[in-house]
Amino acid sequence: MDKYGNGFIRDRKNIKWASMMLTEHKQALKEWGESQDDLEPPDKSEEDLTEIAEQIARSINSELHFTYYRAKRSHHVTGMVKRFDQTTQALYIESNHKMVIIPVRDILSVEEE
């Protein structure tokens, strides 16, 4: 029992050790903490890509919600598909009067709004 009558000790975790850490160690801990949220690049099969293409084709004139992979994170965008570039295999999506370019291989999911 601690002085508050609880069966546990109130711990300050890393705060109490921060004054004894080197700046290199603090930076390494920060980078390690950020890397815990990293995602692996999507590995899409031909069947998955076909399914995504069919879903986009079915709702070509309506808004879609895309979840895609970029820089080890997942991002979201809602908008209308304006065009598909065959050479780069990328979708051009207009969202809030801005053009967002998403490579097809990086799309994680597509949902109709």
PDB file of N, CA and C in Angstrom:
ATOM      1  N   MET A   1       0.835  -1.182   0.000  1.00  0.00           N
ATOM      2  CA  MET A   1       0.000   0.000   0.000  1.00  0.00           C
ATOM      3  C   MET A   1       0.881   1.247   0.000  1.00  0.00           C
ATOM      4  N   ASP A   2       0.468   2.217  -0.812  1.00  0.00           N
ATOM      5  CA  ASP A   2       1.198   3.473  -0.783  1.00  0.00           C
ATOM      6  C   ASP A   2       0.526   4.443   0.187  1.00  0.00           C
ATOM      7  N   LYS A   3       1.050   5.644   0.269  1.00  0.00           N
ATOM      8  CA  LYS A   3       0.518   6.590   1.252  1.00  0.00           C
ATOM      9  C   LYS A   3      -0.893   7.059   0.915  1.00  0.00           C
ATOM     10  N   TYR A   4      -1.370   6.796  -0.317  1.00  0.00           N
ATOM     11  CA  TYR A   4      -2.734   7.167  -0.708  1.00  0.00           C
ATOM     12  C   TYR A   4      -3.733   6.046  -0.453  1.00  0.00           C
ATOM     13  N   GLY A   5      -3.243   4.923   0.045  1.00  0.00           N
ATOM     14  CA  GLY A   5      -4.125   3.809   0.339  1.00  0.00           C
ATOM     15  C   GLY A   5      -4.380   2.916  -0.856  1.00  0.00           C
ATOM     16  N   ASN A   6      -3.691   3.179  -1.955  1.00  0.00           N
ATOM     17  CA  ASN A   6      -3.825   2.331  -3.132  1.00  0.00           C
ATOM     18  C   ASN A   6      -2.833   1.184  -3.055  1.00  0.00           C
ATOM     19  N   GLY A   7      -3.126   0.139  -3.771  1.00  0.00           N
ATOM     20  CA  GLY A   7      -2.235  -1.007  -3.768  1.00  0.00           C
ATOM     21  C   GLY A   7      -1.147  -0.915  -4.811  1.00  0.00           C
ATOM     22  N   PHE A   8      -0.887   0.272  -5.334  1.00  0.00           N
ATOM     23  CA  PHE A   8       0.147   0.421  -6.344  1.00  0.00           C
ATOM     24  C   PHE A   8       0.934   1.696  -6.091  1.00  0.00           C
ATOM     25  N   ILE A   9       2.076   1.785  -6.706  1.00  0.00           N
ATOM     26  CA  ILE A   9       2.936   2.955  -6.553  1.00  0.00           C
ATOM     27  C   ILE A   9       2.697   3.882  -7.735  1.00  0.00           C
ATOM     28  N   ARG A  10       2.525   5.159  -7.455  1.00  0.00           N
ATOM     29  CA  ARG A  10       2.355   6.132  -8.538  1.00  0.00           C
ATOM     30  C   ARG A  10       3.736   6.402  -9.125  1.00  0.00           C
ATOM     31  N   ASP A  11       3.882   5.993 -10.368  1.00  0.00           N
ATOM     32  CA  ASP A  11       5.182   6.076 -11.015  1.00  0.00           C
ATOM     33  C   ASP A  11       5.164   7.155 -12.087  1.00  0.00           C
ATOM     34  N   ARG A  12       6.245   7.881 -12.201  1.00  0.00           N
ATOM     35  CA  ARG A  12       6.336   8.934 -13.211  1.00  0.00           C
ATOM     36  C   ARG A  12       6.900   8.397 -14.522  1.00  0.00           C
ATOM     37  N   LYS A  13       7.147   7.125 -14.606  1.00  0.00           N
ATOM     38  CA  LYS A  13       7.674   6.435 -15.793  1.00  0.00           C
ATOM     39  C   LYS A  13       8.948   7.093 -16.289  1.00  0.00           C
ATOM     40  N   ASN A  14       9.003   7.486 -17.557  1.00  0.00           N
ATOM     41  CA  ASN A  14      10.230   8.024 -18.142  1.00  0.00           C
ATOM     42  C   ASN A  14      10.608   9.401 -17.607  1.00  0.00           C
ATOM     43  N   ILE A  15       9.674  10.119 -17.014  1.00  0.00           N
ATOM     44  CA  ILE A  15       9.967  11.465 -16.536  1.00  0.00           C
ATOM     45  C   ILE A  15      11.080  11.443 -15.491  1.00  0.00           C
ATOM     46  N   LYS A  16      11.036  10.479 -14.588  1.00  0.00           N
ATOM     47  CA  LYS A  16      12.045  10.461 -13.532  1.00  0.00           C
ATOM     48  C   LYS A  16      13.426  10.068 -14.053  1.00  0.00           C
ATOM     49  N   TRP A  17      13.481   9.375 -15.198  1.00  0.00           N
ATOM     50  CA  TRP A  17      14.763   8.946 -15.747  1.00  0.00           C
ATOM     51  C   TRP A  17      15.297   9.958 -16.764  1.00  0.00           C
ATOM     52  N   ALA A  18      14.486  10.896 -17.220  1.00  0.00           N
ATOM     53  CA  ALA A  18      14.893  11.812 -18.287  1.00  0.00           C
ATOM     54  C   ALA A  18      16.116  12.642 -17.907  1.00  0.00           C
ATOM     55  N   SER A  19      16.237  13.027 -16.672  1.00  0.00           N
ATOM     56  CA  SER A  19      17.376  13.859 -16.276  1.00  0.00           C
ATOM     57  C   SER A  19      18.687  13.075 -16.302  1.00  0.00           C
ATOM     58  N   MET A  20      18.614  11.752 -16.250  1.00  0.00           N
ATOM     59  CA  MET A  20      19.832  10.934 -16.253  1.00  0.00           C
ATOM     60  C   MET A  20      20.155  10.383 -17.645  1.00  0.00           C
ATOM     61  N   MET A  21      19.351  10.697 -18.663  1.00  0.00           N
ATOM     62  CA  MET A  21      19.574  10.176 -20.008  1.00  0.00           C
ATOM     63  C   MET A  21      20.391  11.152 -20.835  1.00  0.00           C
ATOM     64  N   LEU A  22      21.212  10.588 -21.708  1.00  0.00           N
ATOM     65  CA  LEU A  22      21.921  11.395 -22.684  1.00  0.00           C
ATOM     66  C   LEU A  22      20.938  11.813 -23.772  1.00  0.00           C
ATOM     67  N   THR A  23      21.244  12.908 -24.449  1.00  0.00           N
ATOM     68  CA  THR A  23      20.343  13.370 -25.508  1.00  0.00           C
ATOM     69  C   THR A  23      20.224  12.337 -26.623  1.00  0.00           C
ATOM     70  N   GLU A  24      21.292  11.575 -26.880  1.00  0.00           N
ATOM     71  CA  GLU A  24      21.241  10.524 -27.899  1.00  0.00           C
ATOM     72  C   GLU A  24      20.238   9.443 -27.505  1.00  0.00           C
ATOM     73  N   HIS A  25      20.189   9.144 -26.223  1.00  0.00           N
ATOM     74  CA  HIS A  25      19.258   8.128 -25.744  1.00  0.00           C
ATOM     75  C   HIS A  25      17.815   8.632 -25.833  1.00  0.00           C
ATOM     76  N   LYS A  26      17.605   9.904 -25.492  1.00  0.00           N
ATOM     77  CA  LYS A  26      16.266  10.480 -25.601  1.00  0.00           C
ATOM     78  C   LYS A  26      15.782  10.443 -27.047  1.00  0.00           C
ATOM     79  N   GLN A  27      16.693  10.812 -27.979  1.00  0.00           N
ATOM     80  CA  GLN A  27      16.344  10.805 -29.400  1.00  0.00           C
ATOM     81  C   GLN A  27      16.051   9.392 -29.874  1.00  0.00           C
ATOM     82  N   ALA A  28      16.839   8.427 -29.449  1.00  0.00           N
ATOM     83  CA  ALA A  28      16.617   7.032 -29.849  1.00  0.00           C
ATOM     84  C   ALA A  28      15.280   6.520 -29.319  1.00  0.00           C
ATOM     85  N   LEU A  29      14.937   6.868 -28.077  1.00  0.00           N
ATOM     86  CA  LEU A  29      13.649   6.460 -27.515  1.00  0.00           C
ATOM     87  C   LEU A  29      12.483   7.109 -28.263  1.00  0.00           C
ATOM     88  N   LYS A  30      12.651   8.378 -28.642  1.00  0.00           N
ATOM     89  CA  LYS A  30      11.606   9.071 -29.390  1.00  0.00           C
ATOM     90  C   LYS A  30      11.402   8.415 -30.748  1.00  0.00           C
ATOM     91  N   GLU A  31      12.495   8.124 -31.457  1.00  0.00           N
ATOM     92  CA  GLU A  31      12.398   7.469 -32.761  1.00  0.00           C
ATOM     93  C   GLU A  31      11.786   6.079 -32.638  1.00  0.00           C
ATOM     94  N   TRP A  32      12.157   5.355 -31.589  1.00  0.00           N
ATOM     95  CA  TRP A  32      11.597   4.027 -31.384  1.00  0.00           C
ATOM     96  C   TRP A  32      10.085   4.111 -31.148  1.00  0.00           C
ATOM     97  N   GLY A  33       9.654   5.086 -30.341  1.00  0.00           N
ATOM     98  CA  GLY A  33       8.232   5.258 -30.073  1.00  0.00           C
ATOM     99  C   GLY A  33       7.451   5.598 -31.333  1.00  0.00           C
ATOM    100  N   GLU A  34       8.035   6.456 -32.186  1.00  0.00           N
ATOM    101  CA  GLU A  34       7.371   6.813 -33.438  1.00  0.00           C
ATOM    102  C   GLU A  34       7.325   5.633 -34.403  1.00  0.00           C
ATOM    103  N   SER A  35       8.350   4.806 -34.394  1.00  0.00           N
ATOM    104  CA  SER A  35       8.392   3.683 -35.334  1.00  0.00           C
ATOM    105  C   SER A  35       7.406   2.578 -34.965  1.00  0.00           C
ATOM    106  N   GLN A  36       6.859   2.621 -33.765  1.00  0.00           N
ATOM    107  CA  GLN A  36       5.894   1.598 -33.362  1.00  0.00           C
ATOM    108  C   GLN A  36       4.599   1.711 -34.157  1.00  0.00           C
ATOM    109  N   ASP A  37       4.311   2.898 -34.703  1.00  0.00           N
ATOM    110  CA  ASP A  37       3.102   3.114 -35.488  1.00  0.00           C
ATOM    111  C   ASP A  37       3.321   2.890 -36.983  1.00  0.00           C
ATOM    112  N   ASP A  38       4.531   2.546 -37.386  1.00  0.00           N
ATOM    113  CA  ASP A  38       4.835   2.362 -38.805  1.00  0.00           C
ATOM    114  C   ASP A  38       4.044   1.198 -39.395  1.00  0.00           C
ATOM    115  N   LEU A  39       3.630   1.389 -40.640  1.00  0.00           N
ATOM    116  CA  LEU A  39       2.953   0.333 -41.379  1.00  0.00           C
ATOM    117  C   LEU A  39       3.880  -0.212 -42.447  1.00  0.00           C
ATOM    118  N   GLU A  40       3.677  -1.457 -42.784  1.00  0.00           N
ATOM    119  CA  GLU A  40       4.405  -2.062 -43.881  1.00  0.00           C
ATOM    120  C   GLU A  40       3.705  -1.680 -45.181  1.00  0.00           C
ATOM    121  N   PRO A  41       4.444  -1.527 -46.277  1.00  0.00           N
ATOM    122  CA  PRO A  41       3.788  -1.229 -47.552  1.00  0.00           C
ATOM    123  C   PRO A  41       2.818  -2.347 -47.922  1.00  0.00           C
ATOM    124  N   PRO A  42       1.677  -1.991 -48.515  1.00  0.00           N
ATOM    125  CA  PRO A  42       0.690  -3.020 -48.857  1.00  0.00           C
ATOM    126  C   PRO A  42       1.214  -3.933 -49.957  1.00  0.00           C
ATOM    127  N   ASP A  43       0.926  -5.204 -49.820  1.00  0.00           N
ATOM    128  CA  ASP A  43       1.305  -6.185 -50.828  1.00  0.00           C
ATOM    129  C   ASP A  43       0.017  -6.696 -51.461  1.00  0.00           C
ATOM    130  N   LYS A  44      -0.387  -6.047 -52.547  1.00  0.00           N
ATOM    131  CA  LYS A  44      -1.668  -6.346 -53.188  1.00  0.00           C
ATOM    132  C   LYS A  44      -1.493  -7.435 -54.235  1.00  0.00           C
ATOM    133  N   SER A  45      -2.426  -8.375 -54.216  1.00  0.00           N
ATOM    134  CA  SER A  45      -2.447  -9.395 -55.257  1.00  0.00           C
ATOM    135  C   SER A  45      -3.194  -8.839 -56.464  1.00  0.00           C
ATOM    136  N   GLU A  46      -3.112  -9.531 -57.568  1.00  0.00           N
ATOM    137  CA  GLU A  46      -3.816  -9.109 -58.778  1.00  0.00           C
ATOM    138  C   GLU A  46      -5.324  -9.091 -58.550  1.00  0.00           C
ATOM    139  N   GLU A  47      -5.808 -10.031 -57.750  1.00  0.00           N
ATOM    140  CA  GLU A  47      -7.238 -10.108 -57.432  1.00  0.00           C
ATOM    141  C   GLU A  47      -7.684  -8.885 -56.628  1.00  0.00           C
ATOM    142  N   ASP A  48      -6.866  -8.461 -55.653  1.00  0.00           N
ATOM    143  CA  ASP A  48      -7.189  -7.273 -54.855  1.00  0.00           C
ATOM    144  C   ASP A  48      -7.247  -6.019 -55.726  1.00  0.00           C
ATOM    145  N   LEU A  49      -6.282  -5.882 -56.632  1.00  0.00           N
ATOM    146  CA  LEU A  49      -6.252  -4.717 -57.510  1.00  0.00           C
ATOM    147  C   LEU A  49      -7.452  -4.709 -58.453  1.00  0.00           C
ATOM    148  N   THR A  50      -7.865  -5.876 -58.923  1.00  0.00           N
ATOM    149  CA  THR A  50      -9.037  -5.974 -59.789  1.00  0.00           C
ATOM    150  C   THR A  50     -10.294  -5.581 -59.034  1.00  0.00           C
ATOM    151  N   GLU A  51     -10.407  -6.016 -57.793  1.00  0.00           N
ATOM    152  CA  GLU A  51     -11.564  -5.679 -56.966  1.00  0.00           C
ATOM    153  C   GLU A  51     -11.659  -4.168 -56.725  1.00  0.00           C
ATOM    154  N   ILE A  52     -10.515  -3.533 -56.443  1.00  0.00           N
ATOM    155  CA  ILE A  52     -10.484  -2.084 -56.242  1.00  0.00           C
ATOM    156  C   ILE A  52     -10.877  -1.365 -57.529  1.00  0.00           C
ATOM    157  N   ALA A  53     -10.361  -1.823 -58.675  1.00  0.00           N
ATOM    158  CA  ALA A  53     -10.680  -1.202 -59.962  1.00  0.00           C
ATOM    159  C   ALA A  53     -12.170  -1.313 -60.273  1.00  0.00           C
ATOM    160  N   GLU A  54     -12.769  -2.469 -59.982  1.00  0.00           N
ATOM    161  CA  GLU A  54     -14.202  -2.654 -60.226  1.00  0.00           C
ATOM    162  C   GLU A  54     -15.031  -1.738 -59.333  1.00  0.00           C
ATOM    163  N   GLN A  55     -14.627  -1.606 -58.086  1.00  0.00           N
ATOM    164  CA  GLN A  55     -15.363  -0.746 -57.152  1.00  0.00           C
ATOM    165  C   GLN A  55     -15.292   0.714 -57.596  1.00  0.00           C
ATOM    166  N   ILE A  56     -14.142   1.143 -58.071  1.00  0.00           N
ATOM    167  CA  ILE A  56     -13.993   2.516 -58.560  1.00  0.00           C
ATOM    168  C   ILE A  56     -14.825   2.707 -59.824  1.00  0.00           C
ATOM    169  N   ALA A  57     -14.813   1.733 -60.717  1.00  0.00           N
ATOM    170  CA  ALA A  57     -15.571   1.838 -61.972  1.00  0.00           C
ATOM    171  C   ALA A  57     -17.077   1.902 -61.708  1.00  0.00           C
ATOM    172  N   ARG A  58     -17.569   1.156 -60.713  1.00  0.00           N
ATOM    173  CA  ARG A  58     -19.004   1.159 -60.387  1.00  0.00           C
ATOM    174  C   ARG A  58     -19.475   2.516 -59.881  1.00  0.00           C
ATOM    175  N   SER A  59     -18.613   3.228 -59.197  1.00  0.00           N
ATOM    176  CA  SER A  59     -19.032   4.502 -58.598  1.00  0.00           C
ATOM    177  C   SER A  59     -18.185   5.652 -59.139  1.00  0.00           C
ATOM    178  N   ILE A  60     -18.048   5.694 -60.452  1.00  0.00           N
ATOM    179  CA  ILE A  60     -17.173   6.680 -61.086  1.00  0.00           C
ATOM    180  C   ILE A  60     -17.665   8.114 -60.911  1.00  0.00           C
ATOM    181  N   ASN A  61     -18.968   8.347 -60.821  1.00  0.00           N
ATOM    182  CA  ASN A  61     -19.491   9.710 -60.700  1.00  0.00           C
ATOM    183  C   ASN A  61     -19.937  10.053 -59.280  1.00  0.00           C
ATOM    184  N   SER A  62     -19.444   9.346 -58.300  1.00  0.00           N
ATOM    185  CA  SER A  62     -19.804   9.651 -56.914  1.00  0.00           C
ATOM    186  C   SER A  62     -18.535   9.778 -56.079  1.00  0.00           C
ATOM    187  N   GLU A  63     -18.697  10.338 -54.900  1.00  0.00           N
ATOM    188  CA  GLU A  63     -17.543  10.517 -54.020  1.00  0.00           C
ATOM    189  C   GLU A  63     -17.152   9.190 -53.383  1.00  0.00           C
ATOM    190  N   LEU A  64     -15.867   8.989 -53.273  1.00  0.00           N
ATOM    191  CA  LEU A  64     -15.322   7.786 -52.648  1.00  0.00           C
ATOM    192  C   LEU A  64     -14.396   8.187 -51.515  1.00  0.00           C
ATOM    193  N   HIS A  65     -14.291   7.310 -50.541  1.00  0.00           N
ATOM    194  CA  HIS A  65     -13.370   7.507 -49.419  1.00  0.00           C
ATOM    195  C   HIS A  65     -12.219   6.521 -49.595  1.00  0.00           C
ATOM    196  N   PHE A  66     -11.018   7.046 -49.801  1.00  0.00           N
ATOM    197  CA  PHE A  66      -9.832   6.224 -50.018  1.00  0.00           C
ATOM    198  C   PHE A  66      -8.971   6.206 -48.764  1.00  0.00           C
ATOM    199  N   THR A  67      -8.474   5.039 -48.425  1.00  0.00           N
ATOM    200  CA  THR A  67      -7.440   4.897 -47.411  1.00  0.00           C
ATOM    201  C   THR A  67      -6.214   4.393 -48.155  1.00  0.00           C
ATOM    202  N   TYR A  68      -5.107   5.114 -48.018  1.00  0.00           N
ATOM    203  CA  TYR A  68      -3.921   4.741 -48.775  1.00  0.00           C
ATOM    204  C   TYR A  68      -2.669   4.843 -47.909  1.00  0.00           C
ATOM    205  N   TYR A  69      -1.614   4.201 -48.386  1.00  0.00           N
ATOM    206  CA  TYR A  69      -0.332   4.122 -47.683  1.00  0.00           C
ATOM    207  C   TYR A  69       0.617   5.162 -48.267  1.00  0.00           C
ATOM    208  N   ARG A  70       1.246   5.931 -47.378  1.00  0.00           N
ATOM    209  CA  ARG A  70       2.286   6.857 -47.814  1.00  0.00           C
ATOM    210  C   ARG A  70       3.192   7.152 -46.626  1.00  0.00           C
ATOM    211  N   ALA A  71       4.483   7.012 -46.822  1.00  0.00           N
ATOM    212  CA  ALA A  71       5.498   7.337 -45.811  1.00  0.00           C
ATOM    213  C   ALA A  71       5.258   6.599 -44.493  1.00  0.00           C
ATOM    214  N   LYS A  72       5.038   5.299 -44.582  1.00  0.00           N
ATOM    215  CA  LYS A  72       4.883   4.411 -43.428  1.00  0.00           C
ATOM    216  C   LYS A  72       3.645   4.684 -42.582  1.00  0.00           C
ATOM    217  N   ARG A  73       2.675   5.419 -43.128  1.00  0.00           N
ATOM    218  CA  ARG A  73       1.433   5.734 -42.425  1.00  0.00           C
ATOM    219  C   ARG A  73       0.249   5.524 -43.363  1.00  0.00           C
ATOM    220  N   SER A  74      -0.940   5.390 -42.783  1.00  0.00           N
ATOM    221  CA  SER A  74      -2.135   5.340 -43.611  1.00  0.00           C
ATOM    222  C   SER A  74      -2.768   6.731 -43.607  1.00  0.00           C
ATOM    223  N   HIS A  75      -3.231   7.153 -44.766  1.00  0.00           N
ATOM    224  CA  HIS A  75      -3.845   8.456 -44.937  1.00  0.00           C
ATOM    225  C   HIS A  75      -5.235   8.263 -45.520  1.00  0.00           C
ATOM    226  N   HIS A  76      -6.079   9.260 -45.357  1.00  0.00           N
ATOM    227  CA  HIS A  76      -7.452   9.199 -45.846  1.00  0.00           C
ATOM    228  C   HIS A  76      -7.733  10.405 -46.720  1.00  0.00           C
ATOM    229  N   VAL A  77      -8.517  10.186 -47.769  1.00  0.00           N
ATOM    230  CA  VAL A  77      -8.963  11.276 -48.621  1.00  0.00           C
ATOM    231  C   VAL A  77     -10.335  10.910 -49.173  1.00  0.00           C
ATOM    232  N   THR A  78     -11.214  11.887 -49.245  1.00  0.00           N
ATOM    233  CA  THR A  78     -12.535  11.698 -49.822  1.00  0.00           C
ATOM    234  C   THR A  78     -12.654  12.623 -51.018  1.00  0.00           C
ATOM    235  N   GLY A  79     -13.053  12.061 -52.153  1.00  0.00           N
ATOM    236  CA  GLY A  79     -13.190  12.875 -53.346  1.00  0.00           C
ATOM    237  C   GLY A  79     -13.643  12.053 -54.531  1.00  0.00           C
ATOM    238  N   MET A  80     -13.653  12.715 -55.690  1.00  0.00           N
ATOM    239  CA  MET A  80     -14.079  12.064 -56.924  1.00  0.00           C
ATOM    240  C   MET A  80     -12.864  11.760 -57.790  1.00  0.00           C
ATOM    241  N   VAL A  81     -12.871  10.590 -58.412  1.00  0.00           N
ATOM    242  CA  VAL A  81     -11.798  10.208 -59.314  1.00  0.00           C
ATOM    243  C   VAL A  81     -11.953  11.014 -60.593  1.00  0.00           C
ATOM    244  N   LYS A  82     -10.914  11.765 -60.949  1.00  0.00           N
ATOM    245  CA  LYS A  82     -10.955  12.572 -62.160  1.00  0.00           C
ATOM    246  C   LYS A  82     -10.326  11.851 -63.346  1.00  0.00           C
ATOM    247  N   ARG A  83      -9.240  11.121 -63.084  1.00  0.00           N
ATOM    248  CA  ARG A  83      -8.622  10.374 -64.181  1.00  0.00           C
ATOM    249  C   ARG A  83      -7.686   9.315 -63.633  1.00  0.00           C
ATOM    250  N   PHE A  84      -7.294   8.417 -64.526  1.00  0.00           N
ATOM    251  CA  PHE A  84      -6.345   7.365 -64.209  1.00  0.00           C
ATOM    252  C   PHE A  84      -5.212   7.459 -65.208  1.00  0.00           C
ATOM    253  N   ASP A  85      -3.989   7.531 -64.720  1.00  0.00           N
ATOM    254  CA  ASP A  85      -2.812   7.625 -65.586  1.00  0.00           C
ATOM    255  C   ASP A  85      -2.242   6.224 -65.784  1.00  0.00           C
ATOM    256  N   GLN A  86      -2.284   5.751 -67.033  1.00  0.00           N
ATOM    257  CA  GLN A  86      -1.822   4.386 -67.342  1.00  0.00           C
ATOM    258  C   GLN A  86      -0.313   4.233 -67.132  1.00  0.00           C
ATOM    259  N   THR A  87       0.465   5.268 -67.467  1.00  0.00           N
ATOM    260  CA  THR A  87       1.919   5.135 -67.391  1.00  0.00           C
ATOM    261  C   THR A  87       2.422   5.050 -65.952  1.00  0.00           C
ATOM    262  N   THR A  88       1.818   5.831 -65.043  1.00  0.00           N
ATOM    263  CA  THR A  88       2.261   5.808 -63.652  1.00  0.00           C
ATOM    264  C   THR A  88       1.385   4.926 -62.771  1.00  0.00           C
ATOM    265  N   GLN A  89       0.281   4.405 -63.329  1.00  0.00           N
ATOM    266  CA  GLN A  89      -0.663   3.580 -62.563  1.00  0.00           C
ATOM    267  C   GLN A  89      -1.145   4.326 -61.318  1.00  0.00           C
ATOM    268  N   ALA A  90      -1.581   5.578 -61.539  1.00  0.00           N
ATOM    269  CA  ALA A  90      -2.014   6.419 -60.414  1.00  0.00           C
ATOM    270  C   ALA A  90      -3.391   7.003 -60.686  1.00  0.00           C
ATOM    271  N   LEU A  91      -4.140   7.180 -59.603  1.00  0.00           N
ATOM    272  CA  LEU A  91      -5.451   7.830 -59.663  1.00  0.00           C
ATOM    273  C   LEU A  91      -5.292   9.300 -59.302  1.00  0.00           C
ATOM    274  N   TYR A  92      -6.009  10.152 -60.021  1.00  0.00           N
ATOM    275  CA  TYR A  92      -6.054  11.574 -59.717  1.00  0.00           C
ATOM    276  C   TYR A  92      -7.416  11.838 -59.087  1.00  0.00           C
ATOM    277  N   ILE A  93      -7.416  12.234 -57.819  1.00  0.00           N
ATOM    278  CA  ILE A  93      -8.646  12.418 -57.061  1.00  0.00           C
ATOM    279  C   ILE A  93      -8.779  13.886 -56.678  1.00  0.00           C
ATOM    280  N   GLU A  94      -9.934  14.472 -57.000  1.00  0.00           N
ATOM    281  CA  GLU A  94     -10.187  15.860 -56.618  1.00  0.00           C
ATOM    282  C   GLU A  94     -10.873  15.868 -55.262  1.00  0.00           C
ATOM    283  N   SER A  95     -10.223  16.517 -54.303  1.00  0.00           N
ATOM    284  CA  SER A  95     -10.737  16.594 -52.942  1.00  0.00           C
ATOM    285  C   SER A  95     -10.569  18.023 -52.445  1.00  0.00           C
ATOM    286  N   ASN A  96     -11.679  18.681 -52.118  1.00  0.00           N
ATOM    287  CA  ASN A  96     -11.648  20.067 -51.621  1.00  0.00           C
ATOM    288  C   ASN A  96     -10.873  20.989 -52.563  1.00  0.00           C
ATOM    289  N   HIS A  97     -11.142  20.871 -53.850  1.00  0.00           N
ATOM    290  CA  HIS A  97     -10.531  21.698 -54.887  1.00  0.00           C
ATOM    291  C   HIS A  97      -9.022  21.496 -54.985  1.00  0.00           C
ATOM    292  N   LYS A  98      -8.529  20.378 -54.490  1.00  0.00           N
ATOM    293  CA  LYS A  98      -7.118  20.017 -54.617  1.00  0.00           C
ATOM    294  C   LYS A  98      -7.036  18.673 -55.318  1.00  0.00           C
ATOM    295  N   MET A  99      -5.974  18.454 -56.073  1.00  0.00           N
ATOM    296  CA  MET A  99      -5.783  17.199 -56.760  1.00  0.00           C
ATOM    297  C   MET A  99      -4.816  16.337 -55.941  1.00  0.00           C
ATOM    298  N   VAL A 100      -5.255  15.144 -55.580  1.00  0.00           N
ATOM    299  CA  VAL A 100      -4.434  14.198 -54.821  1.00  0.00           C
ATOM    300  C   VAL A 100      -4.108  13.041 -55.753  1.00  0.00           C
ATOM    301  N   ILE A 101      -2.841  12.703 -55.854  1.00  0.00           N
ATOM    302  CA  ILE A 101      -2.404  11.610 -56.725  1.00  0.00           C
ATOM    303  C   ILE A 101      -2.037  10.415 -55.854  1.00  0.00           C
ATOM    304  N   ILE A 102      -2.708   9.286 -56.111  1.00  0.00           N
ATOM    305  CA  ILE A 102      -2.465   8.078 -55.328  1.00  0.00           C
ATOM    306  C   ILE A 102      -2.097   6.936 -56.264  1.00  0.00           C
ATOM    307  N   PRO A 103      -0.908   6.357 -56.119  1.00  0.00           N
ATOM    308  CA  PRO A 103      -0.595   5.159 -56.899  1.00  0.00           C
ATOM    309  C   PRO A 103      -1.541   4.020 -56.504  1.00  0.00           C
ATOM    310  N   VAL A 104      -2.002   3.279 -57.484  1.00  0.00           N
ATOM    311  CA  VAL A 104      -2.979   2.214 -57.233  1.00  0.00           C
ATOM    312  C   VAL A 104      -2.416   1.169 -56.273  1.00  0.00           C
ATOM    313  N   ARG A 105      -1.142   0.883 -56.358  1.00  0.00           N
ATOM    314  CA  ARG A 105      -0.539  -0.147 -55.492  1.00  0.00           C
ATOM    315  C   ARG A 105      -0.543   0.254 -54.017  1.00  0.00           C
ATOM    316  N   ASP A 106      -0.730   1.574 -53.722  1.00  0.00           N
ATOM    317  CA  ASP A 106      -0.719   2.067 -52.343  1.00  0.00           C
ATOM    318  C   ASP A 106      -2.108   2.167 -51.722  1.00  0.00           C
ATOM    319  N   ILE A 107      -3.160   1.870 -52.480  1.00  0.00           N
ATOM    320  CA  ILE A 107      -4.524   1.972 -51.947  1.00  0.00           C
ATOM    321  C   ILE A 107      -4.785   0.800 -51.009  1.00  0.00           C
ATOM    322  N   LEU A 108      -5.213   1.112 -49.803  1.00  0.00           N
ATOM    323  CA  LEU A 108      -5.531   0.084 -48.817  1.00  0.00           C
ATOM    324  C   LEU A 108      -7.007  -0.297 -48.891  1.00  0.00           C
ATOM    325  N   SER A 109      -7.890   0.699 -49.033  1.00  0.00           N
ATOM    326  CA  SER A 109      -9.323   0.409 -49.147  1.00  0.00           C
ATOM    327  C   SER A 109     -10.043   1.540 -49.844  1.00  0.00           C
ATOM    328  N   VAL A 110     -11.209   1.190 -50.419  1.00  0.00           N
ATOM    329  CA  VAL A 110     -12.064   2.169 -51.095  1.00  0.00           C
ATOM    330  C   VAL A 110     -13.484   1.935 -50.590  1.00  0.00           C
ATOM    331  N   GLU A 111     -14.140   3.017 -50.150  1.00  0.00           N
ATOM    332  CA  GLU A 111     -15.509   2.912 -49.664  1.00  0.00           C
ATOM    333  C   GLU A 111     -16.342   3.991 -50.327  1.00  0.00           C
ATOM    334  N   GLU A 112     -17.581   3.669 -50.639  1.00  0.00           N
ATOM    335  CA  GLU A 112     -18.476   4.657 -51.229  1.00  0.00           C
ATOM    336  C   GLU A 112     -19.053   5.534 -50.127  1.00  0.00           C
ATOM    337  N   GLU A 113     -19.067   6.835 -50.368  1.00  0.00           N
ATOM    338  CA  GLU A 113     -19.601   7.794 -49.391  1.00  0.00           C
ATOM    339  C   GLU A 113     -21.095   7.765 -49.366  1.00  0.00           C
TER     340      GLU A 113
END
